[in-house]
Each structure stands twice: as structure tokens, then as C-alpha cells.
Amino acid sequence: MSRVASISPQDATGETRELLDDITATFGVTPAMFRAVANSPAALKTMWGAFGALGSGRFPAELGEKIAVLVADRNGCEYCLAAHTALGRKAGATRDEMSRAQAGHSDDPRTAAALAFAHALVEQRGQVDEEDLTALRENGFDDEEIVELIAHVALNLFTNYVNVALAVPLDFPGVRLLTTR
């Protein structure tokens, strides 16, 4: 049971209602995470806006979802792991590719470099070094993509913290965490 109220689009007003209606139109339902975040219109606007901005960024959806499952696993966020595994499959990744990404692995060198950097960012709390950036550049990442990758990790940290701290109930098929906390 969530530690905060679950705000439905029908109970929301103003901008919050408009945002929840947009989220519902996108997903076909209103995921529990957004219903929890709707307690703060500013947080909901921030979160939904960040998803939209990064969704129109340079990374294909599949890469964003692979980054998300890695970060979710490292933070013990069952909600985000389940949601982003489903979204990654919808974006074209195989079940095995999503499982490997969750563990920080990929057969694609560019994806593997992104996952290694995301892992370093999370584990080192942003204290990456020049070698971490060099590994990205050696795999074709330019400065725009490096900053975008950091933004993906930051957004996922935000959603992970919301879901873990507020005990948001799963509304996607569960996926087993690899990392135990």
C-alpha cells in the first residue's frame, strides 16, 4: 500500500488533471507512480516534462529503457524495474537483452558503454573520472549524448526514490531484482 494518497485523474483538478489525462492517454491507464506523484503538481509537471524531453532526445527508446532497468536494479526499485522492463520490450528489446541490461551488460559496445557509465554514476554518486568519459567517447558518444545520459540517470533516480520511499504498488508484471539491499 502506497504511503501517500493515490490521486486519480477524476479527483484531480487544474493542471494536475490535465497532466494525468495526458499520462492516461499515453499509457491507456494511469500508472500508480504518477498517481502518487500527483500529490505535488510541481513534481508531476517536472517528472512528466522530463519523460517527454528525454523521449524526444537523441537516444532511442530501447537504450533509455536499458539504462532505466540498470538504475532501478541498483536502487532496489521493483516498480521501475517492472515498468521499464515492459517498456523496453515494447520498444523492441528482447527479454534477454533487458535482463542483461539490468545486470549492466550488452553485446552492443555502445550500449555496454552507456550502461557502464550509468552504473558508475549511480555507484559513485556522480563522482566519475576522465576514464569513464573517455570510454563513452571511444564508443561514439559526443558531449550532447553524455549530458543526455546523465539526465536519463537523474530522472531514473527521481522515479526510483519516489517509488521506493512511497512504497508505490506494482501495476506492471514483476521482475526479480538482482541487487539486494
C-alpha atoms as a PDB file:
ATOM      1  CA  MET A   1       0.000   0.000   0.000  1.00  0.00           C
ATOM      2  CA  SER A   2       1.339   3.394  -1.000  1.00  0.00           C
ATOM      3  CA  ARG A   3       2.442   5.732   1.779  1.00  0.00           C
ATOM      4  CA  VAL A   4       0.671   8.676   0.103  1.00  0.00           C
ATOM      5  CA  ALA A   5      -2.745   9.127  -1.439  1.00  0.00           C
ATOM      6  CA  SER A   6      -3.313   7.835  -4.949  1.00  0.00           C
ATOM      7  CA  ILE A   7      -4.717  10.735  -6.972  1.00  0.00           C
ATOM      8  CA  SER A   8      -6.930   9.656  -9.855  1.00  0.00           C
ATOM      9  CA  PRO A   9      -7.492  11.874 -12.889  1.00  0.00           C
ATOM     10  CA  GLN A  10     -11.169  12.107 -11.900  1.00  0.00           C
ATOM     11  CA  ASP A  11     -10.264  13.509  -8.469  1.00  0.00           C
ATOM     12  CA  ALA A  12      -7.589  15.913  -9.734  1.00  0.00           C
ATOM     13  CA  THR A  13      -8.174  19.490 -10.807  1.00  0.00           C
ATOM     14  CA  GLY A  14      -6.489  22.091 -12.976  1.00  0.00           C
ATOM     15  CA  GLU A  15      -3.054  21.381 -14.383  1.00  0.00           C
ATOM     16  CA  THR A  16      -2.745  18.156 -12.385  1.00  0.00           C
ATOM     17  CA  ARG A  17      -5.867  16.796 -14.052  1.00  0.00           C
ATOM     18  CA  GLU A  18      -4.586  17.827 -17.492  1.00  0.00           C
ATOM     19  CA  LEU A  19      -1.247  16.101 -16.849  1.00  0.00           C
ATOM     20  CA  LEU A  20      -2.898  12.931 -15.543  1.00  0.00           C
ATOM     21  CA  ASP A  21      -5.253  12.897 -18.536  1.00  0.00           C
ATOM     22  CA  ASP A  22      -2.201  13.163 -20.836  1.00  0.00           C
ATOM     23  CA  ILE A  23      -0.424  10.373 -18.953  1.00  0.00           C
ATOM     24  CA  THR A  24      -3.533   8.188 -19.138  1.00  0.00           C
ATOM     25  CA  ALA A  25      -3.850   8.831 -22.869  1.00  0.00           C
ATOM     26  CA  THR A  26      -0.202   7.829 -23.330  1.00  0.00           C
ATOM     27  CA  PHE A  27      -0.344   4.595 -21.312  1.00  0.00           C
ATOM     28  CA  GLY A  28      -4.014   3.657 -21.649  1.00  0.00           C
ATOM     29  CA  VAL A  29      -4.142   3.683 -17.824  1.00  0.00           C
ATOM     30  CA  THR A  30      -2.790   5.969 -15.114  1.00  0.00           C
ATOM     31  CA  PRO A  31       0.247   4.164 -13.642  1.00  0.00           C
ATOM     32  CA  ALA A  32       0.398   4.138  -9.831  1.00  0.00           C
ATOM     33  CA  MET A  33       3.670   6.090  -9.798  1.00  0.00           C
ATOM     34  CA  PHE A  34       2.048   9.096 -11.480  1.00  0.00           C
ATOM     35  CA  ARG A  35      -0.979   8.879  -9.181  1.00  0.00           C
ATOM     36  CA  ALA A  36       1.408   9.086  -6.195  1.00  0.00           C
ATOM     37  CA  VAL A  37       3.458  11.932  -7.672  1.00  0.00           C
ATOM     38  CA  ALA A  38       0.232  13.839  -8.438  1.00  0.00           C
ATOM     39  CA  ASN A  39       0.167  14.797  -4.749  1.00  0.00           C
ATOM     40  CA  SER A  40       2.609  17.521  -5.829  1.00  0.00           C
ATOM     41  CA  PRO A  41       1.612  19.298  -9.036  1.00  0.00           C
ATOM     42  CA  ALA A  42       5.155  20.688  -9.334  1.00  0.00           C
ATOM     43  CA  ALA A  43       6.722  17.223  -9.027  1.00  0.00           C
ATOM     44  CA  LEU A  44       4.253  15.737 -11.514  1.00  0.00           C
ATOM     45  CA  LYS A  45       4.945  18.506 -14.012  1.00  0.00           C
ATOM     46  CA  THR A  46       8.693  18.017 -13.544  1.00  0.00           C
ATOM     47  CA  MET A  47       8.567  14.254 -13.938  1.00  0.00           C
ATOM     48  CA  TRP A  48       6.222  14.166 -16.926  1.00  0.00           C
ATOM     49  CA  GLY A  49       8.099  17.004 -18.600  1.00  0.00           C
ATOM     50  CA  ALA A  50      11.421  15.193 -18.152  1.00  0.00           C
ATOM     51  CA  PHE A  51       9.996  11.993 -19.653  1.00  0.00           C
ATOM     52  CA  GLY A  52       8.747  13.995 -22.636  1.00  0.00           C
ATOM     53  CA  ALA A  53      12.003  15.879 -23.122  1.00  0.00           C
ATOM     54  CA  LEU A  54      14.184  12.779 -22.931  1.00  0.00           C
ATOM     55  CA  GLY A  55      11.740  10.843 -25.091  1.00  0.00           C
ATOM     56  CA  SER A  56      12.456  13.307 -27.874  1.00  0.00           C
ATOM     57  CA  GLY A  57      16.204  13.275 -27.227  1.00  0.00           C
ATOM     58  CA  ARG A  58      18.897  11.545 -29.230  1.00  0.00           C
ATOM     59  CA  PHE A  59      18.726   8.159 -27.528  1.00  0.00           C
ATOM     60  CA  PRO A  60      16.407   5.528 -28.954  1.00  0.00           C
ATOM     61  CA  ALA A  61      13.704   4.420 -26.513  1.00  0.00           C
ATOM     62  CA  GLU A  62      15.291   0.991 -26.174  1.00  0.00           C
ATOM     63  CA  LEU A  63      18.551   2.466 -24.835  1.00  0.00           C
ATOM     64  CA  GLY A  64      16.683   4.683 -22.382  1.00  0.00           C
ATOM     65  CA  GLU A  65      14.799   1.656 -21.058  1.00  0.00           C
ATOM     66  CA  LYS A  66      18.012  -0.358 -20.690  1.00  0.00           C
ATOM     67  CA  ILE A  67      19.567   2.454 -18.678  1.00  0.00           C
ATOM     68  CA  ALA A  68      16.398   2.587 -16.566  1.00  0.00           C
ATOM     69  CA  VAL A  69      16.464  -1.115 -15.631  1.00  0.00           C
ATOM     70  CA  LEU A  70      20.130  -0.919 -14.637  1.00  0.00           C
ATOM     71  CA  VAL A  71      19.494   2.109 -12.417  1.00  0.00           C
ATOM     72  CA  ALA A  72      16.319   0.567 -10.955  1.00  0.00           C
ATOM     73  CA  ASP A  73      18.156  -2.607 -10.044  1.00  0.00           C
ATOM     74  CA  ARG A  74      20.992  -0.701  -8.360  1.00  0.00           C
ATOM     75  CA  ASN A  75      18.457   1.250  -6.303  1.00  0.00           C
ATOM     76  CA  GLY A  76      16.279  -1.739  -5.438  1.00  0.00           C
ATOM     77  CA  CYS A  77      13.270  -0.186  -7.189  1.00  0.00           C
ATOM     78  CA  GLU A  78      10.940  -3.029  -8.094  1.00  0.00           C
ATOM     79  CA  TYR A  79       8.372  -0.631  -9.580  1.00  0.00           C
ATOM     80  CA  CYS A  80      10.764   0.966 -12.075  1.00  0.00           C
ATOM     81  CA  LEU A  81      12.380  -2.362 -12.896  1.00  0.00           C
ATOM     82  CA  ALA A  82       8.981  -3.818 -13.770  1.00  0.00           C
ATOM     83  CA  ALA A  83       7.771  -0.754 -15.679  1.00  0.00           C
ATOM     84  CA  HIS A  84      10.932  -0.226 -17.710  1.00  0.00           C
ATOM     85  CA  THR A  85      11.327  -3.912 -18.498  1.00  0.00           C
ATOM     86  CA  ALA A  86       7.841  -3.842 -20.003  1.00  0.00           C
ATOM     87  CA  LEU A  87       8.540  -0.575 -21.821  1.00  0.00           C
ATOM     88  CA  GLY A  88      11.871  -1.903 -23.108  1.00  0.00           C
ATOM     89  CA  ARG A  89      10.141  -4.949 -24.536  1.00  0.00           C
ATOM     90  CA  LYS A  90       7.573  -2.641 -26.146  1.00  0.00           C
ATOM     91  CA  ALA A  91      10.465  -0.615 -27.631  1.00  0.00           C
ATOM     92  CA  GLY A  92      11.851  -3.741 -29.299  1.00  0.00           C
ATOM     93  CA  ALA A  93      14.325  -5.248 -26.835  1.00  0.00           C
ATOM     94  CA  THR A  94      14.216  -8.958 -26.164  1.00  0.00           C
ATOM     95  CA  ARG A  95      13.634 -10.356 -22.689  1.00  0.00           C
ATOM     96  CA  ASP A  96      17.285 -11.465 -22.632  1.00  0.00           C
ATOM     97  CA  GLU A  97      18.536  -8.009 -23.670  1.00  0.00           C
ATOM     98  CA  MET A  98      16.571  -6.399 -20.853  1.00  0.00           C
ATOM     99  CA  SER A  99      17.851  -8.954 -18.330  1.00  0.00           C
ATOM    100  CA  ARG A 100      21.405  -8.384 -19.477  1.00  0.00           C
ATOM    101  CA  ALA A 101      20.962  -4.594 -19.288  1.00  0.00           C
ATOM    102  CA  GLN A 102      19.619  -4.963 -15.748  1.00  0.00           C
ATOM    103  CA  ALA A 103      22.938  -6.638 -14.895  1.00  0.00           C
ATOM    104  CA  GLY A 104      24.889  -3.947 -16.778  1.00  0.00           C
ATOM    105  CA  HIS A 105      25.716  -6.000 -19.870  1.00  0.00           C
ATOM    106  CA  SER A 106      25.104  -5.730 -23.588  1.00  0.00           C
ATOM    107  CA  ASP A 107      26.584  -7.305 -26.707  1.00  0.00           C
ATOM    108  CA  ASP A 108      26.423  -3.887 -28.375  1.00  0.00           C
ATOM    109  CA  PRO A 109      29.593  -1.930 -27.440  1.00  0.00           C
ATOM    110  CA  ARG A 110      27.813   1.439 -27.462  1.00  0.00           C
ATOM    111  CA  THR A 111      25.028   0.199 -25.171  1.00  0.00           C
ATOM    112  CA  ALA A 112      27.590  -1.515 -22.927  1.00  0.00           C
ATOM    113  CA  ALA A 113      29.494   1.782 -22.611  1.00  0.00           C
ATOM    114  CA  ALA A 114      26.291   3.657 -21.709  1.00  0.00           C
ATOM    115  CA  LEU A 115      25.403   1.057 -19.098  1.00  0.00           C
ATOM    116  CA  ALA A 116      28.906   1.112 -17.596  1.00  0.00           C
ATOM    117  CA  PHE A 117      28.769   4.891 -17.320  1.00  0.00           C
ATOM    118  CA  ALA A 118      25.267   4.811 -15.800  1.00  0.00           C
ATOM    119  CA  HIS A 119      26.471   2.223 -13.297  1.00  0.00           C
ATOM    120  CA  ALA A 120      29.465   4.392 -12.382  1.00  0.00           C
ATOM    121  CA  LEU A 121      27.244   7.458 -11.948  1.00  0.00           C
ATOM    122  CA  VAL A 122      24.912   5.634  -9.565  1.00  0.00           C
ATOM    123  CA  GLU A 123      27.520   3.743  -7.582  1.00  0.00           C
ATOM    124  CA  GLN A 124      29.926   6.686  -7.317  1.00  0.00           C
ATOM    125  CA  ARG A 125      27.155   9.277  -6.779  1.00  0.00           C
ATOM    126  CA  GLY A 126      28.268  11.243  -9.807  1.00  0.00           C
ATOM    127  CA  GLN A 127      31.967  11.154  -8.925  1.00  0.00           C
ATOM    128  CA  VAL A 128      33.072   9.778 -12.290  1.00  0.00           C
ATOM    129  CA  ASP A 129      36.550  10.332 -13.641  1.00  0.00           C
ATOM    130  CA  GLU A 130      38.068  11.121 -17.002  1.00  0.00           C
ATOM    131  CA  GLU A 131      38.413   7.407 -17.836  1.00  0.00           C
ATOM    132  CA  ASP A 132      34.643   6.966 -17.557  1.00  0.00           C
ATOM    133  CA  LEU A 133      34.068   9.794 -20.034  1.00  0.00           C
ATOM    134  CA  THR A 134      36.827   8.566 -22.351  1.00  0.00           C
ATOM    135  CA  ALA A 135      35.150   5.146 -22.543  1.00  0.00           C
ATOM    136  CA  LEU A 136      31.946   6.843 -23.704  1.00  0.00           C
ATOM    137  CA  ARG A 137      33.739   8.965 -26.287  1.00  0.00           C
ATOM    138  CA  GLU A 138      35.582   5.919 -27.623  1.00  0.00           C
ATOM    139  CA  ASN A 139      32.144   4.419 -28.294  1.00  0.00           C
ATOM    140  CA  GLY A 140      30.891   7.400 -30.264  1.00  0.00           C
ATOM    141  CA  PHE A 141      29.227   9.499 -27.572  1.00  0.00           C
ATOM    142  CA  ASP A 142      29.537  13.249 -28.044  1.00  0.00           C
ATOM    143  CA  ASP A 143      29.060  15.892 -25.351  1.00  0.00           C
ATOM    144  CA  GLU A 144      25.319  16.220 -26.049  1.00  0.00           C
ATOM    145  CA  GLU A 145      24.791  12.492 -25.577  1.00  0.00           C
ATOM    146  CA  ILE A 146      26.932  12.413 -22.430  1.00  0.00           C
ATOM    147  CA  VAL A 147      24.779  15.108 -20.833  1.00  0.00           C
ATOM    148  CA  GLU A 148      21.617  13.348 -22.039  1.00  0.00           C
ATOM    149  CA  LEU A 149      22.842  10.093 -20.486  1.00  0.00           C
ATOM    150  CA  ILE A 150      23.335  11.862 -17.158  1.00  0.00           C
ATOM    151  CA  ALA A 151      19.802  13.262 -17.453  1.00  0.00           C
ATOM    152  CA  HIS A 152      18.409   9.743 -18.018  1.00  0.00           C
ATOM    153  CA  VAL A 153      20.160   8.520 -14.885  1.00  0.00           C
ATOM    154  CA  ALA A 154      18.964  11.535 -12.872  1.00  0.00           C
ATOM    155  CA  LEU A 155      15.345  11.066 -13.967  1.00  0.00           C
ATOM    156  CA  ASN A 156      15.526   7.406 -13.034  1.00  0.00           C
ATOM    157  CA  LEU A 157      16.982   8.249  -9.629  1.00  0.00           C
ATOM    158  CA  PHE A 158      13.997  10.578  -9.085  1.00  0.00           C
ATOM    159  CA  THR A 159      11.471   7.916 -10.053  1.00  0.00           C
ATOM    160  CA  ASN A 160      13.288   5.212  -8.076  1.00  0.00           C
ATOM    161  CA  TYR A 161      13.299   7.338  -4.934  1.00  0.00           C
ATOM    162  CA  VAL A 162       9.612   8.165  -5.313  1.00  0.00           C
ATOM    163  CA  ASN A 163       8.611   4.536  -5.766  1.00  0.00           C
ATOM    164  CA  VAL A 164      10.820   3.104  -3.037  1.00  0.00           C
ATOM    165  CA  ALA A 165      10.233   5.829  -0.429  1.00  0.00           C
ATOM    166  CA  LEU A 166       6.479   5.900  -1.003  1.00  0.00           C
ATOM    167  CA  ALA A 167       6.045   2.115  -1.436  1.00  0.00           C
ATOM    168  CA  VAL A 168       4.149   2.606  -4.692  1.00  0.00           C
ATOM    169  CA  PRO A 169       2.380  -0.669  -5.550  1.00  0.00           C
ATOM    170  CA  LEU A 170       3.319  -2.516  -8.735  1.00  0.00           C
ATOM    171  CA  ASP A 171       0.960  -2.241 -11.656  1.00  0.00           C
ATOM    172  CA  PHE A 172       3.304  -3.866 -14.188  1.00  0.00           C
ATOM    173  CA  PRO A 173       4.372  -7.543 -14.216  1.00  0.00           C
ATOM    174  CA  GLY A 174       7.049  -8.017 -11.547  1.00  0.00           C
ATOM    175  CA  VAL A 175      10.719  -8.627 -12.363  1.00  0.00           C
ATOM    176  CA  ARG A 176      13.207 -10.080  -9.880  1.00  0.00           C
ATOM    177  CA  LEU A 177      15.856  -7.675  -8.606  1.00  0.00           C
ATOM    178  CA  LEU A 178      19.457  -8.797  -8.965  1.00  0.00           C
ATOM    179  CA  THR A 179      20.742  -6.371  -6.370  1.00  0.00           C
ATOM    180  CA  THR A 180      19.746  -6.942  -2.774  1.00  0.00           C
ATOM    181  CA  ARG A 181      19.726  -4.068  -0.338  1.00  0.00           C
END
